Amino acid sequence: QVQLVESGGGLVQAGGSLSLSCAASGSIFRAANMEWYRQALGKQRELVARITSGGSINLADSVKGRFTISRDNDKNTVCLQMNSLSPEDTAVYYCRLETYGWGNYWGQGTQVTVSS
């Protein structure tokens, strides 16, 4: 069983930055693809960023140039650095671990609120 614990959310003014972190338990992190999703109030959950086990990165168009995703396989963590935040980025951010054959797992979510 894998547990994911997100941290780093909070309240920030527009134009500011936040860094989210997701720590994973277990031994499959290195072989897993890691993703960050977000869900704003009344909206569907959407994929924000993805980093594969091999280090390939995909970002949603809405965050390109502002967000970066990185991983540390020695620490079993994935980070989402968010810059130039706007109120439209306000959402609960979720970490997801994706494997092929060993299940997929979600974190509990962390709230990010950007004030105008």
N, C-alpha and C. Protein backbone atom coordinates (compact mmCIF):
# COMPACT_ATOMS: atom_id res chain seq x y z
N GLN A 1 0.85 -1.19 0.00
CA GLN A 1 0.00 0.00 0.00
C GLN A 1 0.88 1.24 0.00
N VAL A 2 0.51 2.20 -0.82
CA VAL A 2 1.26 3.45 -0.93
C VAL A 2 0.46 4.57 -0.31
N GLN A 3 1.12 5.40 0.44
CA GLN A 3 0.49 6.61 0.97
C GLN A 3 1.19 7.83 0.41
N LEU A 4 0.40 8.82 0.03
CA LEU A 4 0.92 10.07 -0.50
C LEU A 4 0.49 11.20 0.42
N VAL A 5 1.43 12.02 0.80
CA VAL A 5 1.14 13.14 1.70
C VAL A 5 1.62 14.44 1.05
N GLU A 6 0.65 15.31 0.74
CA GLU A 6 1.00 16.59 0.14
C GLU A 6 1.21 17.64 1.22
N SER A 7 2.04 18.60 0.90
CA SER A 7 2.25 19.73 1.79
C SER A 7 2.62 20.95 0.97
N GLY A 8 2.53 22.12 1.60
CA GLY A 8 2.98 23.33 0.95
C GLY A 8 1.88 24.25 0.45
N GLY A 9 0.64 23.83 0.58
CA GLY A 9 -0.44 24.70 0.16
C GLY A 9 -0.60 25.88 1.09
N GLY A 10 -1.46 26.82 0.70
CA GLY A 10 -1.71 27.97 1.55
C GLY A 10 -2.31 29.10 0.78
N LEU A 11 -2.24 30.27 1.38
CA LEU A 11 -2.78 31.49 0.80
C LEU A 11 -1.64 32.37 0.31
N VAL A 12 -1.79 32.85 -0.91
CA VAL A 12 -0.76 33.70 -1.49
C VAL A 12 -1.43 34.77 -2.34
N GLN A 13 -0.78 35.90 -2.47
CA GLN A 13 -1.32 36.96 -3.31
C GLN A 13 -1.02 36.68 -4.77
N ALA A 14 -1.83 37.24 -5.63
CA ALA A 14 -1.60 37.09 -7.07
C ALA A 14 -0.20 37.57 -7.43
N GLY A 15 0.45 36.79 -8.28
CA GLY A 15 1.82 37.09 -8.66
C GLY A 15 2.85 36.39 -7.81
N GLY A 16 2.41 35.80 -6.73
CA GLY A 16 3.30 35.13 -5.81
C GLY A 16 3.61 33.69 -6.22
N SER A 17 4.34 33.00 -5.35
CA SER A 17 4.78 31.64 -5.63
C SER A 17 4.48 30.72 -4.46
N LEU A 18 4.29 29.47 -4.78
CA LEU A 18 4.16 28.42 -3.78
C LEU A 18 4.84 27.17 -4.31
N SER A 19 5.34 26.37 -3.39
CA SER A 19 5.93 25.10 -3.78
C SER A 19 5.19 23.99 -3.05
N LEU A 20 4.62 23.08 -3.80
CA LEU A 20 3.95 21.92 -3.23
C LEU A 20 4.88 20.72 -3.26
N SER A 21 4.76 19.90 -2.24
CA SER A 21 5.55 18.69 -2.18
C SER A 21 4.65 17.51 -1.89
N CYS A 22 5.00 16.37 -2.43
CA CYS A 22 4.25 15.13 -2.20
C CYS A 22 5.25 14.04 -1.86
N ALA A 23 5.09 13.49 -0.67
CA ALA A 23 5.98 12.42 -0.22
C ALA A 23 5.25 11.09 -0.30
N ALA A 24 5.92 10.10 -0.86
CA ALA A 24 5.31 8.79 -1.06
C ALA A 24 5.98 7.74 -0.18
N SER A 25 5.17 6.88 0.39
CA SER A 25 5.71 5.76 1.13
C SER A 25 5.90 4.58 0.18
N GLY A 26 6.58 3.55 0.64
CA GLY A 26 6.74 2.36 -0.17
C GLY A 26 7.94 2.43 -1.08
N SER A 27 8.07 1.38 -1.87
CA SER A 27 9.28 1.21 -2.66
C SER A 27 9.06 1.32 -4.17
N ILE A 28 7.85 1.72 -4.58
CA ILE A 28 7.58 1.73 -6.02
C ILE A 28 7.70 3.11 -6.63
N PHE A 29 8.06 4.10 -5.82
CA PHE A 29 8.08 5.47 -6.31
C PHE A 29 8.96 5.60 -7.55
N ARG A 30 10.12 5.02 -7.50
CA ARG A 30 11.08 5.19 -8.59
C ARG A 30 10.52 4.69 -9.92
N ALA A 31 9.65 3.70 -9.87
CA ALA A 31 9.09 3.11 -11.09
C ALA A 31 7.77 3.75 -11.50
N ALA A 32 7.32 4.72 -10.74
CA ALA A 32 5.99 5.28 -10.96
C ALA A 32 6.04 6.61 -11.70
N ASN A 33 4.98 6.88 -12.44
CA ASN A 33 4.76 8.21 -12.98
C ASN A 33 4.05 9.03 -11.90
N MET A 34 4.41 10.28 -11.80
CA MET A 34 3.84 11.14 -10.77
C MET A 34 3.11 12.31 -11.42
N GLU A 35 1.97 12.63 -10.86
CA GLU A 35 1.13 13.67 -11.44
C GLU A 35 0.60 14.60 -10.36
N TRP A 36 0.35 15.82 -10.76
CA TRP A 36 -0.37 16.79 -9.94
C TRP A 36 -1.67 17.15 -10.67
N TYR A 37 -2.75 17.04 -9.96
CA TYR A 37 -4.06 17.45 -10.44
C TYR A 37 -4.54 18.60 -9.57
N ARG A 38 -5.54 19.29 -10.06
CA ARG A 38 -6.20 20.28 -9.23
C ARG A 38 -7.70 20.28 -9.53
N GLN A 39 -8.43 20.68 -8.51
CA GLN A 39 -9.88 20.75 -8.66
C GLN A 39 -10.37 22.03 -8.00
N ALA A 40 -10.86 22.93 -8.82
CA ALA A 40 -11.45 24.16 -8.31
C ALA A 40 -12.91 23.90 -7.94
N LEU A 41 -13.43 24.74 -7.10
CA LEU A 41 -14.80 24.58 -6.62
C LEU A 41 -15.77 24.59 -7.79
N GLY A 42 -16.57 23.53 -7.89
CA GLY A 42 -17.56 23.44 -8.95
C GLY A 42 -17.03 23.01 -10.29
N LYS A 43 -15.76 22.65 -10.34
CA LYS A 43 -15.16 22.24 -11.62
C LYS A 43 -14.62 20.83 -11.52
N GLN A 44 -14.35 20.26 -12.69
CA GLN A 44 -13.79 18.91 -12.72
C GLN A 44 -12.30 18.94 -12.38
N ARG A 45 -11.85 17.82 -11.86
CA ARG A 45 -10.43 17.69 -11.57
C ARG A 45 -9.67 17.68 -12.89
N GLU A 46 -8.56 18.40 -12.94
CA GLU A 46 -7.78 18.48 -14.17
C GLU A 46 -6.31 18.19 -13.90
N LEU A 47 -5.67 17.61 -14.89
CA LEU A 47 -4.24 17.32 -14.81
C LEU A 47 -3.45 18.60 -15.02
N VAL A 48 -2.55 18.85 -14.12
CA VAL A 48 -1.73 20.06 -14.18
C VAL A 48 -0.33 19.74 -14.69
N ALA A 49 0.27 18.70 -14.14
CA ALA A 49 1.65 18.38 -14.48
C ALA A 49 1.90 16.90 -14.27
N ARG A 50 2.80 16.38 -15.08
CA ARG A 50 3.13 14.95 -15.01
C ARG A 50 4.62 14.79 -15.25
N ILE A 51 5.22 13.91 -14.46
CA ILE A 51 6.61 13.54 -14.69
C ILE A 51 6.68 12.02 -14.64
N THR A 52 7.22 11.45 -15.69
CA THR A 52 7.27 9.99 -15.77
C THR A 52 8.44 9.44 -14.95
N SER A 53 8.47 8.13 -14.84
CA SER A 53 9.57 7.50 -14.12
C SER A 53 10.90 7.80 -14.80
N GLY A 54 10.86 8.04 -16.08
CA GLY A 54 12.08 8.36 -16.82
C GLY A 54 12.42 9.83 -16.85
N GLY A 55 11.56 10.66 -16.27
CA GLY A 55 11.85 12.08 -16.18
C GLY A 55 11.21 12.95 -17.25
N SER A 56 10.40 12.36 -18.12
CA SER A 56 9.70 13.17 -19.12
C SER A 56 8.60 13.98 -18.45
N ILE A 57 8.44 15.21 -18.91
CA ILE A 57 7.52 16.15 -18.26
C ILE A 57 6.46 16.64 -19.24
N ASN A 58 5.24 16.70 -18.74
CA ASN A 58 4.16 17.33 -19.47
C ASN A 58 3.45 18.31 -18.54
N LEU A 59 3.14 19.46 -19.08
CA LEU A 59 2.43 20.50 -18.32
C LEU A 59 1.18 20.91 -19.07
N ALA A 60 0.14 21.21 -18.33
CA ALA A 60 -1.07 21.76 -18.94
C ALA A 60 -0.75 23.11 -19.55
N ASP A 61 -1.41 23.43 -20.65
CA ASP A 61 -1.15 24.70 -21.33
C ASP A 61 -1.35 25.89 -20.40
N SER A 62 -2.30 25.77 -19.50
CA SER A 62 -2.62 26.89 -18.62
C SER A 62 -1.51 27.21 -17.62
N VAL A 63 -0.57 26.29 -17.44
CA VAL A 63 0.49 26.52 -16.45
C VAL A 63 1.88 26.55 -17.04
N LYS A 64 1.97 26.32 -18.34
CA LYS A 64 3.29 26.34 -18.99
C LYS A 64 3.94 27.70 -18.81
N GLY A 65 5.22 27.66 -18.49
CA GLY A 65 5.95 28.91 -18.26
C GLY A 65 5.82 29.44 -16.85
N ARG A 66 4.92 28.84 -16.06
CA ARG A 66 4.73 29.31 -14.67
C ARG A 66 5.00 28.20 -13.65
N PHE A 67 4.63 26.97 -13.98
CA PHE A 67 4.78 25.84 -13.06
C PHE A 67 5.88 24.91 -13.56
N THR A 68 6.57 24.31 -12.64
CA THR A 68 7.52 23.24 -12.97
C THR A 68 7.30 22.07 -12.03
N ILE A 69 7.57 20.89 -12.53
CA ILE A 69 7.46 19.67 -11.73
C ILE A 69 8.81 19.00 -11.70
N SER A 70 9.14 18.45 -10.55
CA SER A 70 10.41 17.75 -10.41
C SER A 70 10.22 16.59 -9.43
N ARG A 71 11.16 15.66 -9.46
CA ARG A 71 11.08 14.53 -8.56
C ARG A 71 12.45 14.20 -8.00
N ASP A 72 12.45 13.63 -6.82
CA ASP A 72 13.67 13.17 -6.18
C ASP A 72 13.44 11.71 -5.80
N ASN A 73 14.00 10.82 -6.57
CA ASN A 73 13.77 9.39 -6.35
C ASN A 73 14.44 8.88 -5.06
N ASP A 74 15.45 9.57 -4.60
CA ASP A 74 16.10 9.16 -3.36
C ASP A 74 15.24 9.51 -2.15
N LYS A 75 14.46 10.58 -2.28
CA LYS A 75 13.61 11.02 -1.17
C LYS A 75 12.14 10.65 -1.37
N ASN A 76 11.84 9.98 -2.47
CA ASN A 76 10.44 9.62 -2.77
C ASN A 76 9.51 10.82 -2.75
N THR A 77 9.96 11.90 -3.35
CA THR A 77 9.13 13.10 -3.36
C THR A 77 9.00 13.67 -4.77
N VAL A 78 7.88 14.33 -4.99
CA VAL A 78 7.66 15.07 -6.22
C VAL A 78 7.21 16.47 -5.82
N CYS A 79 7.71 17.46 -6.52
CA CYS A 79 7.42 18.84 -6.17
C CYS A 79 6.77 19.57 -7.34
N LEU A 80 5.93 20.50 -7.01
CA LEU A 80 5.32 21.37 -8.01
C LEU A 80 5.64 22.81 -7.60
N GLN A 81 6.50 23.44 -8.36
CA GLN A 81 6.84 24.84 -8.12
C GLN A 81 5.90 25.70 -8.93
N MET A 82 5.19 26.58 -8.26
CA MET A 82 4.17 27.40 -8.92
C MET A 82 4.55 28.87 -8.78
N ASN A 83 4.76 29.52 -9.90
CA ASN A 83 5.12 30.93 -9.93
C ASN A 83 4.05 31.74 -10.65
N SER A 84 4.10 33.02 -10.47
CA SER A 84 3.15 33.93 -11.13
C SER A 84 1.72 33.45 -10.96
N LEU A 85 1.37 33.13 -9.75
CA LEU A 85 0.05 32.59 -9.47
C LEU A 85 -1.04 33.64 -9.68
N SER A 86 -2.17 33.16 -10.14
CA SER A 86 -3.34 34.02 -10.34
C SER A 86 -4.53 33.42 -9.61
N PRO A 87 -5.58 34.19 -9.38
CA PRO A 87 -6.76 33.64 -8.69
C PRO A 87 -7.34 32.41 -9.40
N GLU A 88 -7.12 32.30 -10.70
CA GLU A 88 -7.61 31.13 -11.44
C GLU A 88 -6.88 29.85 -11.05
N ASP A 89 -5.79 29.97 -10.37
CA ASP A 89 -5.05 28.78 -9.90
C ASP A 89 -5.59 28.28 -8.56
N THR A 90 -6.52 28.98 -7.98
CA THR A 90 -7.10 28.55 -6.71
C THR A 90 -7.82 27.22 -6.88
N ALA A 91 -7.43 26.26 -6.06
CA ALA A 91 -7.99 24.91 -6.18
C ALA A 91 -7.40 24.04 -5.07
N VAL A 92 -7.96 22.85 -4.94
CA VAL A 92 -7.30 21.82 -4.15
C VAL A 92 -6.38 21.06 -5.09
N TYR A 93 -5.14 20.92 -4.70
CA TYR A 93 -4.14 20.25 -5.53
C TYR A 93 -3.89 18.85 -4.97
N TYR A 94 -3.94 17.87 -5.88
CA TYR A 94 -3.77 16.47 -5.51
C TYR A 94 -2.56 15.87 -6.21
N CYS A 95 -1.86 15.08 -5.48
CA CYS A 95 -0.77 14.29 -6.01
C CYS A 95 -1.29 12.89 -6.38
N ARG A 96 -0.84 12.37 -7.48
CA ARG A 96 -1.25 11.03 -7.90
C ARG A 96 -0.02 10.24 -8.33
N LEU A 97 0.00 8.99 -7.90
CA LEU A 97 1.07 8.07 -8.28
C LEU A 97 0.47 7.02 -9.21
N GLU A 98 1.06 6.86 -10.35
CA GLU A 98 0.54 5.95 -11.36
C GLU A 98 1.55 4.85 -11.63
N THR A 99 1.09 3.61 -11.55
CA THR A 99 1.96 2.50 -11.90
C THR A 99 1.25 1.61 -12.91
N TYR A 100 1.98 0.73 -13.50
CA TYR A 100 1.41 -0.25 -14.43
C TYR A 100 1.48 -1.61 -13.75
N GLY A 101 0.37 -1.95 -13.11
CA GLY A 101 0.27 -3.26 -12.48
C GLY A 101 0.28 -3.26 -10.97
N TRP A 102 0.64 -2.14 -10.36
CA TRP A 102 0.66 -2.08 -8.90
C TRP A 102 -0.33 -1.07 -8.34
N GLY A 103 -1.25 -0.60 -9.16
CA GLY A 103 -2.28 0.31 -8.69
C GLY A 103 -1.91 1.77 -8.85
N ASN A 104 -2.90 2.61 -8.67
CA ASN A 104 -2.73 4.06 -8.71
C ASN A 104 -3.23 4.64 -7.39
N TYR A 105 -2.60 5.69 -6.94
CA TYR A 105 -2.89 6.22 -5.61
C TYR A 105 -3.00 7.74 -5.64
N TRP A 106 -3.85 8.24 -4.75
CA TRP A 106 -4.08 9.68 -4.62
C TRP A 106 -3.69 10.15 -3.22
N GLY A 107 -3.20 11.37 -3.16
CA GLY A 107 -3.03 12.02 -1.88
C GLY A 107 -4.33 12.64 -1.42
N GLN A 108 -4.30 13.23 -0.24
CA GLN A 108 -5.51 13.78 0.35
C GLN A 108 -5.82 15.18 -0.17
N GLY A 109 -4.88 15.81 -0.82
CA GLY A 109 -5.09 17.14 -1.37
C GLY A 109 -4.61 18.24 -0.45
N THR A 110 -4.21 19.35 -1.05
CA THR A 110 -3.80 20.52 -0.29
C THR A 110 -4.40 21.76 -0.97
N GLN A 111 -4.92 22.64 -0.16
CA GLN A 111 -5.61 23.82 -0.69
C GLN A 111 -4.61 24.90 -1.07
N VAL A 112 -4.80 25.44 -2.25
CA VAL A 112 -4.05 26.62 -2.70
C VAL A 112 -5.07 27.71 -3.00
N THR A 113 -4.90 28.84 -2.34
CA THR A 113 -5.79 29.97 -2.54
C THR A 113 -4.97 31.18 -2.95
N VAL A 114 -5.34 31.77 -4.07
CA VAL A 114 -4.63 32.94 -4.58
C VAL A 114 -5.58 34.14 -4.52
N SER A 115 -5.20 35.12 -3.77
CA SER A 115 -6.05 36.30 -3.63
C SER A 115 -5.66 37.37 -4.66
N SER A 116 -6.64 38.11 -5.09
CA SER A 116 -6.39 39.15 -6.10
C SER A 116 -6.01 40.48 -5.46
